[in-house]
PDB file of N, CA and C in Angstrom:
ATOM      1  N   MET A   1      43.269  18.260  45.931  1.00  0.00           N
ATOM      2  CA  MET A   1      41.842  17.717  45.483  1.00  0.00           C
ATOM      3  C   MET A   1      41.463  16.093  46.493  1.00  0.00           C
ATOM      4  N   PHE A   2      42.517  15.168  46.464  1.00  0.00           N
ATOM      5  CA  PHE A   2      42.139  14.281  47.160  1.00  0.00           C
ATOM      6  C   PHE A   2      43.011  14.171  48.249  1.00  0.00           C
ATOM      7  N   PRO A   3      42.409  13.702  49.790  1.00  0.00           N
ATOM      8  CA  PRO A   3      43.263  13.714  50.768  1.00  0.00           C
ATOM      9  C   PRO A   3      44.121  13.121  50.832  1.00  0.00           C
ATOM     10  N   ASP A   4      45.243  13.522  51.720  1.00  0.00           N
ATOM     11  CA  ASP A   4      46.508  12.384  51.575  1.00  0.00           C
ATOM     12  C   ASP A   4      46.123  11.160  52.384  1.00  0.00           C
ATOM     13  N   LYS A   5      45.339  11.345  53.208  1.00  0.00           N
ATOM     14  CA  LYS A   5      45.188  10.161  54.359  1.00  0.00           C
ATOM     15  C   LYS A   5      43.765   9.691  54.685  1.00  0.00           C
ATOM     16  N   LEU A   6      43.538   8.349  54.353  1.00  0.00           N
ATOM     17  CA  LEU A   6      41.933   8.026  54.179  1.00  0.00           C
ATOM     18  C   LEU A   6      41.731   7.955  55.868  1.00  0.00           C
ATOM     19  N   PRO A   7      40.609   8.295  56.247  1.00  0.00           N
ATOM     20  CA  PRO A   7      40.065   8.202  57.999  1.00  0.00           C
ATOM     21  C   PRO A   7      40.521   6.608  58.132  1.00  0.00           C
ATOM     22  N   PRO A   8      41.006   6.209  59.478  1.00  0.00           N
ATOM     23  CA  PRO A   8      40.788   5.018  59.663  1.00  0.00           C
ATOM     24  C   PRO A   8      39.346   4.366  59.964  1.00  0.00           C
ATOM     25  N   LEU A   9      39.485   3.206  59.552  1.00  0.00           N
ATOM     26  CA  LEU A   9      38.163   2.109  59.679  1.00  0.00           C
ATOM     27  C   LEU A   9      37.861   1.789  61.288  1.00  0.00           C
ATOM     28  N   SER A  10      36.337   1.874  61.417  1.00  0.00           N
ATOM     29  CA  SER A  10      36.427   1.627  62.826  1.00  0.00           C
ATOM     30  C   SER A  10      36.552  -0.248  62.615  1.00  0.00           C
ATOM     31  N   ARG A  11      36.292  -0.533  64.047  1.00  0.00           N
ATOM     32  CA  ARG A  11      36.718  -2.125  64.262  1.00  0.00           C
ATOM     33  C   ARG A  11      35.552  -2.624  63.487  1.00  0.00           C
ATOM     34  N   ARG A  12      34.488  -2.158  63.799  1.00  0.00           N
ATOM     35  CA  ARG A  12      33.357  -2.636  63.043  1.00  0.00           C
ATOM     36  C   ARG A  12      33.470  -3.278  61.515  1.00  0.00           C
ATOM     37  N   ALA A  13      33.600  -2.059  61.030  1.00  0.00           N
ATOM     38  CA  ALA A  13      33.563  -1.834  59.630  1.00  0.00           C
ATOM     39  C   ALA A  13      34.948  -2.655  59.298  1.00  0.00           C
ATOM     40  N   ARG A  14      35.945  -2.779  59.757  1.00  0.00           N
ATOM     41  CA  ARG A  14      36.985  -3.696  59.704  1.00  0.00           C
ATOM     42  C   ARG A  14      36.360  -5.528  59.336  1.00  0.00           C
ATOM     43  N   LEU A  15      35.783  -5.773  60.798  1.00  0.00           N
ATOM     44  CA  LEU A  15      35.573  -6.843  60.790  1.00  0.00           C
ATOM     45  C   LEU A  15      34.262  -7.121  59.347  1.00  0.00           C
ATOM     46  N   LEU A  16      33.556  -6.289  59.350  1.00  0.00           N
ATOM     47  CA  LEU A  16      32.589  -6.347  58.016  1.00  0.00           C
ATOM     48  C   LEU A  16      33.213  -6.629  56.777  1.00  0.00           C
ATOM     49  N   LEU A  17      34.045  -5.624  56.670  1.00  0.00           N
ATOM     50  CA  LEU A  17      34.806  -5.720  55.184  1.00  0.00           C
ATOM     51  C   LEU A  17      35.905  -7.315  55.191  1.00  0.00           C
ATOM     52  N   LEU A  18      36.035  -7.738  56.187  1.00  0.00           N
ATOM     53  CA  LEU A  18      36.950  -8.728  56.416  1.00  0.00           C
ATOM     54  C   LEU A  18      35.974 -10.063  56.139  1.00  0.00           C
ATOM     55  N   ALA A  19      34.809  -9.907  56.437  1.00  0.00           N
ATOM     56  CA  ALA A  19      33.757 -11.284  56.671  1.00  0.00           C
ATOM     57  C   ALA A  19      33.172 -11.252  55.036  1.00  0.00           C
ATOM     58  N   ALA A  20      32.993  -9.935  54.383  1.00  0.00           N
ATOM     59  CA  ALA A  20      32.595  -9.641  53.097  1.00  0.00           C
ATOM     60  C   ALA A  20      33.658 -10.319  52.027  1.00  0.00           C
ATOM     61  N   VAL A  21      34.693 -10.029  52.091  1.00  0.00           N
ATOM     62  CA  VAL A  21      35.894 -10.793  51.712  1.00  0.00           C
ATOM     63  C   VAL A  21      36.192 -12.228  51.853  1.00  0.00           C
ATOM     64  N   GLY A  22      35.949 -12.686  52.871  1.00  0.00           N
ATOM     65  CA  GLY A  22      35.944 -14.367  53.324  1.00  0.00           C
ATOM     66  C   GLY A  22      34.936 -14.919  52.692  1.00  0.00           C
ATOM     67  N   ARG A  23      33.730 -14.299  52.338  1.00  0.00           N
ATOM     68  CA  ARG A  23      32.544 -14.826  51.927  1.00  0.00           C
ATOM     69  C   ARG A  23      32.600 -14.868  50.467  1.00  0.00           C
ATOM     70  N   ILE A  24      33.221 -13.597  49.872  1.00  0.00           N
ATOM     71  CA  ILE A  24      33.699 -13.767  48.427  1.00  0.00           C
ATOM     72  C   ILE A  24      34.468 -14.908  48.163  1.00  0.00           C
ATOM     73  N   ALA A  25      35.677 -14.641  48.830  1.00  0.00           N
ATOM     74  CA  ALA A  25      36.520 -16.179  48.641  1.00  0.00           C
ATOM     75  C   ALA A  25      36.070 -17.498  48.753  1.00  0.00           C
ATOM     76  N   LEU A  26      35.068 -17.596  49.742  1.00  0.00           N
ATOM     77  CA  LEU A  26      34.604 -18.890  49.916  1.00  0.00           C
ATOM     78  C   LEU A  26      33.581 -19.429  48.502  1.00  0.00           C
ATOM     79  N   LEU A  27      32.972 -18.192  48.140  1.00  0.00           N
ATOM     80  CA  LEU A  27      31.864 -18.219  46.863  1.00  0.00           C
ATOM     81  C   LEU A  27      32.746 -18.664  45.785  1.00  0.00           C
ATOM     82  N   LEU A  28      33.899 -18.249  45.564  1.00  0.00           N
ATOM     83  CA  LEU A  28      34.830 -18.457  44.484  1.00  0.00           C
ATOM     84  C   LEU A  28      35.603 -19.885  44.417  1.00  0.00           C
ATOM     85  N   VAL A  29      35.951 -20.178  45.616  1.00  0.00           N
ATOM     86  CA  VAL A  29      36.878 -21.414  45.827  1.00  0.00           C
ATOM     87  C   VAL A  29      35.612 -22.576  46.147  1.00  0.00           C
ATOM     88  N   GLY A  30      34.963 -22.222  46.900  1.00  0.00           N
ATOM     89  CA  GLY A  30      33.997 -23.272  47.823  1.00  0.00           C
ATOM     90  C   GLY A  30      33.590 -24.432  46.587  1.00  0.00           C
ATOM     91  N   PRO A  31      33.279 -23.580  45.348  1.00  0.00           N
ATOM     92  CA  PRO A  31      32.491 -24.722  44.098  1.00  0.00           C
ATOM     93  C   PRO A  31      33.618 -25.644  43.637  1.00  0.00           C
ATOM     94  N   ARG A  32      34.969 -25.235  43.980  1.00  0.00           N
ATOM     95  CA  ARG A  32      35.898 -26.312  42.995  1.00  0.00           C
ATOM     96  C   ARG A  32      36.325 -27.147  44.161  1.00  0.00           C
ATOM     97  N   LEU A  33      36.283 -26.595  45.221  1.00  0.00           N
ATOM     98  CA  LEU A  33      36.899 -27.723  46.658  1.00  0.00           C
ATOM     99  C   LEU A  33      35.637 -28.815  46.362  1.00  0.00           C
ATOM    100  N   VAL A  34      34.635 -28.529  46.477  1.00  0.00           N
ATOM    101  CA  VAL A  34      33.550 -29.647  46.182  1.00  0.00           C
ATOM    102  C   VAL A  34      33.795 -30.603  45.255  1.00  0.00           C
ATOM    103  N   ASP A  35      33.710 -29.781  44.072  1.00  0.00           N
ATOM    104  CA  ASP A  35      34.091 -30.654  42.602  1.00  0.00           C
ATOM    105  C   ASP A  35      35.082 -31.324  42.356  1.00  0.00           C
ATOM    106  N   ALA A  36      36.234 -31.224  43.296  1.00  0.00           N
ATOM    107  CA  ALA A  36      37.503 -31.613  43.675  1.00  0.00           C
ATOM    108  C   ALA A  36      37.098 -33.233  44.591  1.00  0.00           C
ATOM    109  N   TYR A  37      36.520 -32.569  45.419  1.00  0.00           N
ATOM    110  CA  TYR A  37      36.341 -33.653  46.553  1.00  0.00           C
ATOM    111  C   TYR A  37      35.266 -34.683  46.033  1.00  0.00           C
ATOM    112  N   VAL A  38      34.162 -34.539  45.501  1.00  0.00           N
ATOM    113  CA  VAL A  38      33.399 -35.383  44.748  1.00  0.00           C
ATOM    114  C   VAL A  38      34.029 -36.369  43.544  1.00  0.00           C
ATOM    115  N   ASN A  39      34.834 -35.769  42.806  1.00  0.00           N
ATOM    116  CA  ASN A  39      35.443 -36.513  41.895  1.00  0.00           C
ATOM    117  C   ASN A  39      36.369 -37.239  42.619  1.00  0.00           C
ATOM    118  N   TRP A  40      37.113 -37.026  43.620  1.00  0.00           N
ATOM    119  CA  TRP A  40      38.172 -38.032  44.332  1.00  0.00           C
ATOM    120  C   TRP A  40      37.511 -39.210  44.674  1.00  0.00           C
ATOM    121  N   LEU A  41      35.893 -38.881  45.384  1.00  0.00           N
ATOM    122  CA  LEU A  41      35.317 -39.990  46.057  1.00  0.00           C
ATOM    123  C   LEU A  41      34.776 -40.827  44.948  1.00  0.00           C
ATOM    124  N   TRP A  42      34.450 -40.046  43.460  1.00  0.00           N
ATOM    125  CA  TRP A  42      33.680 -40.873  42.575  1.00  0.00           C
ATOM    126  C   TRP A  42      35.033 -42.056  41.787  1.00  0.00           C
ATOM    127  N   PHE A  43      36.282 -41.445  41.837  1.00  0.00           N
ATOM    128  CA  PHE A  43      37.055 -42.053  40.791  1.00  0.00           C
ATOM    129  C   PHE A  43      37.791 -43.324  41.749  1.00  0.00           C
ATOM    130  N   GLY A  44      37.801 -42.685  43.292  1.00  0.00           N
ATOM    131  CA  GLY A  44      37.934 -44.067  44.012  1.00  0.00           C
ATOM    132  C   GLY A  44      36.875 -45.337  44.243  1.00  0.00           C
ATOM    133  N   GLU A  45      35.559 -44.997  43.897  1.00  0.00           N
ATOM    134  CA  GLU A  45      34.618 -45.788  43.984  1.00  0.00           C
ATOM    135  C   GLU A  45      34.893 -46.581  42.590  1.00  0.00           C
ATOM    136  N   VAL A  46      35.117 -46.195  41.946  1.00  0.00           N
ATOM    137  CA  VAL A  46      35.225 -47.090  40.192  1.00  0.00           C
ATOM    138  C   VAL A  46      36.559 -47.493  40.353  1.00  0.00           C
ATOM    139  N   SER A  47      37.621 -47.173  41.455  1.00  0.00           N
ATOM    140  CA  SER A  47      39.074 -47.859  41.199  1.00  0.00           C
ATOM    141  C   SER A  47      39.557 -47.207  40.546  1.00  0.00           C
ATOM    142  N   PHE A  48      39.813 -45.960  39.940  1.00  0.00           N
ATOM    143  CA  PHE A  48      40.528 -45.242  39.270  1.00  0.00           C
ATOM    144  C   PHE A  48      40.699 -44.196  39.467  1.00  0.00           C
ATOM    145  N   ARG A  49      41.381 -44.092  41.079  1.00  0.00           N
ATOM    146  CA  ARG A  49      41.743 -42.814  41.618  1.00  0.00           C
ATOM    147  C   ARG A  49      43.114 -42.740  41.053  1.00  0.00           C
ATOM    148  N   SER A  50      43.716 -43.301  40.773  1.00  0.00           N
ATOM    149  CA  SER A  50      45.094 -42.823  40.416  1.00  0.00           C
ATOM    150  C   SER A  50      45.085 -41.909  38.810  1.00  0.00           C
ATOM    151  N   VAL A  51      43.899 -42.018  38.441  1.00  0.00           N
ATOM    152  CA  VAL A  51      43.380 -41.371  37.105  1.00  0.00           C
ATOM    153  C   VAL A  51      43.219 -39.728  37.579  1.00  0.00           C
ATOM    154  N   TRP A  52      42.572 -39.509  38.726  1.00  0.00           N
ATOM    155  CA  TRP A  52      41.975 -38.450  39.379  1.00  0.00           C
ATOM    156  C   TRP A  52      43.458 -37.506  39.618  1.00  0.00           C
ATOM    157  N   VAL A  53      44.155 -38.842  40.241  1.00  0.00           N
ATOM    158  CA  VAL A  53      45.620 -37.771  40.789  1.00  0.00           C
ATOM    159  C   VAL A  53      46.327 -37.475  39.786  1.00  0.00           C
ATOM    160  N   THR A  54      46.320 -37.949  38.430  1.00  0.00           N
ATOM    161  CA  THR A  54      47.174 -37.685  37.369  1.00  0.00           C
ATOM    162  C   THR A  54      46.514 -36.407  36.633  1.00  0.00           C
ATOM    163  N   VAL A  55      45.285 -36.232  36.818  1.00  0.00           N
ATOM    164  CA  VAL A  55      44.646 -35.243  36.407  1.00  0.00           C
ATOM    165  C   VAL A  55      44.947 -33.929  36.977  1.00  0.00           C
ATOM    166  N   LEU A  56      44.963 -34.279  38.259  1.00  0.00           N
ATOM    167  CA  LEU A  56      44.986 -32.878  39.120  1.00  0.00           C
ATOM    168  C   LEU A  56      46.417 -32.452  39.495  1.00  0.00           C
ATOM    169  N   LEU A  57      47.471 -33.305  39.516  1.00  0.00           N
ATOM    170  CA  LEU A  57      48.718 -32.969  39.149  1.00  0.00           C
ATOM    171  C   LEU A  57      49.113 -32.315  37.742  1.00  0.00           C
ATOM    172  N   THR A  58      48.565 -32.917  36.618  1.00  0.00           N
ATOM    173  CA  THR A  58      48.637 -32.202  35.397  1.00  0.00           C
ATOM    174  C   THR A  58      48.145 -30.563  35.691  1.00  0.00           C
ATOM    175  N   ARG A  59      47.231 -30.545  36.036  1.00  0.00           N
ATOM    176  CA  ARG A  59      46.385 -28.987  36.048  1.00  0.00           C
ATOM    177  C   ARG A  59      47.322 -28.262  36.897  1.00  0.00           C
ATOM    178  N   VAL A  60      47.840 -28.723  38.270  1.00  0.00           N
ATOM    179  CA  VAL A  60      48.575 -28.144  39.130  1.00  0.00           C
ATOM    180  C   VAL A  60      50.271 -27.513  38.479  1.00  0.00           C
ATOM    181  N   ALA A  61      50.395 -28.741  37.534  1.00  0.00           N
ATOM    182  CA  ALA A  61      52.083 -28.301  37.028  1.00  0.00           C
ATOM    183  C   ALA A  61      51.874 -27.334  36.187  1.00  0.00           C
ATOM    184  N   ILE A  62      50.451 -27.474  35.224  1.00  0.00           N
ATOM    185  CA  ILE A  62      50.359 -26.327  34.132  1.00  0.00           C
ATOM    186  C   ILE A  62      50.266 -24.756  34.935  1.00  0.00           C
ATOM    187  N   PHE A  63      49.355 -24.663  35.707  1.00  0.00           N
ATOM    188  CA  PHE A  63      49.193 -23.677  36.441  1.00  0.00           C
ATOM    189  C   PHE A  63      50.780 -23.172  36.944  1.00  0.00           C
ATOM    190  N   VAL A  64      51.315 -23.848  37.693  1.00  0.00           N
ATOM    191  CA  VAL A  64      52.469 -23.427  38.057  1.00  0.00           C
ATOM    192  C   VAL A  64      53.656 -23.166  36.791  1.00  0.00           C
ATOM    193  N   ALA A  65      53.741 -23.649  35.920  1.00  0.00           N
ATOM    194  CA  ALA A  65      54.299 -23.450  34.475  1.00  0.00           C
ATOM    195  C   ALA A  65      53.917 -22.285  34.473  1.00  0.00           C
ATOM    196  N   VAL A  66      52.789 -21.742  34.198  1.00  0.00           N
ATOM    197  CA  VAL A  66      51.997 -20.631  33.140  1.00  0.00           C
ATOM    198  C   VAL A  66      52.580 -19.518  34.283  1.00  0.00           C
ATOM    199  N   ALA A  67      52.219 -19.635  35.536  1.00  0.00           N
ATOM    200  CA  ALA A  67      52.516 -18.862  36.564  1.00  0.00           C
ATOM    201  C   ALA A  67      54.015 -18.298  36.225  1.00  0.00           C
ATOM    202  N   LEU A  68      55.016 -19.208  36.223  1.00  0.00           N
ATOM    203  CA  LEU A  68      56.278 -18.861  36.315  1.00  0.00           C
ATOM    204  C   LEU A  68      56.602 -17.965  35.051  1.00  0.00           C
ATOM    205  N   VAL A  69      56.126 -18.463  33.870  1.00  0.00           N
ATOM    206  CA  VAL A  69      56.066 -17.843  32.945  1.00  0.00           C
ATOM    207  C   VAL A  69      55.650 -16.312  32.809  1.00  0.00           C
ATOM    208  N   LEU A  70      54.550 -16.174  33.190  1.00  0.00           N
ATOM    209  CA  LEU A  70      53.964 -14.878  33.062  1.00  0.00           C
ATOM    210  C   LEU A  70      54.645 -14.180  34.176  1.00  0.00           C
ATOM    211  N   GLY A  71      55.009 -14.450  35.350  1.00  0.00           N
ATOM    212  CA  GLY A  71      55.458 -14.013  36.566  1.00  0.00           C
ATOM    213  C   GLY A  71      56.740 -13.586  36.082  1.00  0.00           C
ATOM    214  N   GLY A  72      57.590 -14.412  35.298  1.00  0.00           N
ATOM    215  CA  GLY A  72      58.970 -14.017  34.821  1.00  0.00           C
ATOM    216  C   GLY A  72      58.878 -12.894  33.704  1.00  0.00           C
ATOM    217  N   THR A  73      58.089 -13.049  32.704  1.00  0.00           N
ATOM    218  CA  THR A  73      58.094 -12.033  31.756  1.00  0.00           C
ATOM    219  C   THR A  73      57.432 -10.585  32.415  1.00  0.00           C
ATOM    220  N   VAL A  74      56.474 -10.804  33.351  1.00  0.00           N
ATOM    221  CA  VAL A  74      56.223  -9.222  33.897  1.00  0.00           C
ATOM    222  C   VAL A  74      57.584  -8.987  34.499  1.00  0.00           C
ATOM    223  N   PHE A  75      58.119  -9.664  35.517  1.00  0.00           N
ATOM    224  CA  PHE A  75      59.507  -9.260  36.165  1.00  0.00           C
ATOM    225  C   PHE A  75      60.535  -8.639  35.057  1.00  0.00           C
ATOM    226  N   LEU A  76      60.831  -9.706  33.881  1.00  0.00           N
ATOM    227  CA  LEU A  76      61.841  -8.886  33.328  1.00  0.00           C
ATOM    228  C   LEU A  76      61.455  -7.588  32.469  1.00  0.00           C
ATOM    229  N   GLY A  77      60.145  -7.457  32.083  1.00  0.00           N
ATOM    230  CA  GLY A  77      59.665  -6.160  31.279  1.00  0.00           C
ATOM    231  C   GLY A  77      59.622  -5.214  32.346  1.00  0.00           C
ATOM    232  N   THR A  78      59.542  -5.461  33.732  1.00  0.00           N
ATOM    233  CA  THR A  78      59.662  -4.155  34.790  1.00  0.00           C
ATOM    234  C   THR A  78      61.139  -3.970  35.025  1.00  0.00           C
ATOM    235  N   ILE A  79      62.139  -5.011  35.064  1.00  0.00           N
ATOM    236  CA  ILE A  79      63.384  -4.411  35.150  1.00  0.00           C
ATOM    237  C   ILE A  79      63.748  -3.727  33.920  1.00  0.00           C
ATOM    238  N   TYR A  80      63.366  -4.219  32.639  1.00  0.00           N
ATOM    239  CA  TYR A  80      63.837  -3.601  31.184  1.00  0.00           C
ATOM    240  C   TYR A  80      63.300  -2.101  31.459  1.00  0.00           C
ATOM    241  N   LEU A  81      61.919  -1.828  31.522  1.00  0.00           N
ATOM    242  CA  LEU A  81      61.587  -0.360  31.638  1.00  0.00           C
ATOM    243  C   LEU A  81      62.271   0.458  32.846  1.00  0.00           C
ATOM    244  N   SER A  82      62.698  -0.052  34.117  1.00  0.00           N
ATOM    245  CA  SER A  82      63.134   0.746  35.105  1.00  0.00           C
ATOM    246  C   SER A  82      64.782   1.102  34.702  1.00  0.00           C
ATOM    247  N   HIS A  83      65.178   0.246  33.748  1.00  0.00           N
ATOM    248  CA  HIS A  83      66.689   0.749  33.343  1.00  0.00           C
ATOM    249  C   HIS A  83      66.702   1.515  31.991  1.00  0.00           C
ATOM    250  N   ARG A  84      65.630   1.645  31.171  1.00  0.00           N
ATOM    251  CA  ARG A  84      65.368   2.438  30.284  1.00  0.00           C
ATOM    252  C   ARG A  84      65.889   3.455  29.814  1.00  0.00           C
ATOM    253  N   ARG A  85      65.691   4.234  31.306  1.00  0.00           N
ATOM    254  CA  ARG A  85      66.172   5.517  31.093  1.00  0.00           C
ATOM    255  C   ARG A  85      67.051   6.002  30.203  1.00  0.00           C
TER     256      ARG A  85
END
């Protein structure tokens, strides 16, 4: 019903696909980077840059902690299901 292999993409198609993925990534990440930079400048201007650094490090720490918990849960669930036979 379905072919075993998809036909290879031409060089032009690969470049267009890469450009589209790059633009989508930039649209998703760009505003956050601009916001972080503007906050960095503003907090520095009012002499509270250490507050922004604390906020930023807290966000990163929470992200890493949640990623580890969820990744561990998925990993352990996968191990459990693979040995359940």
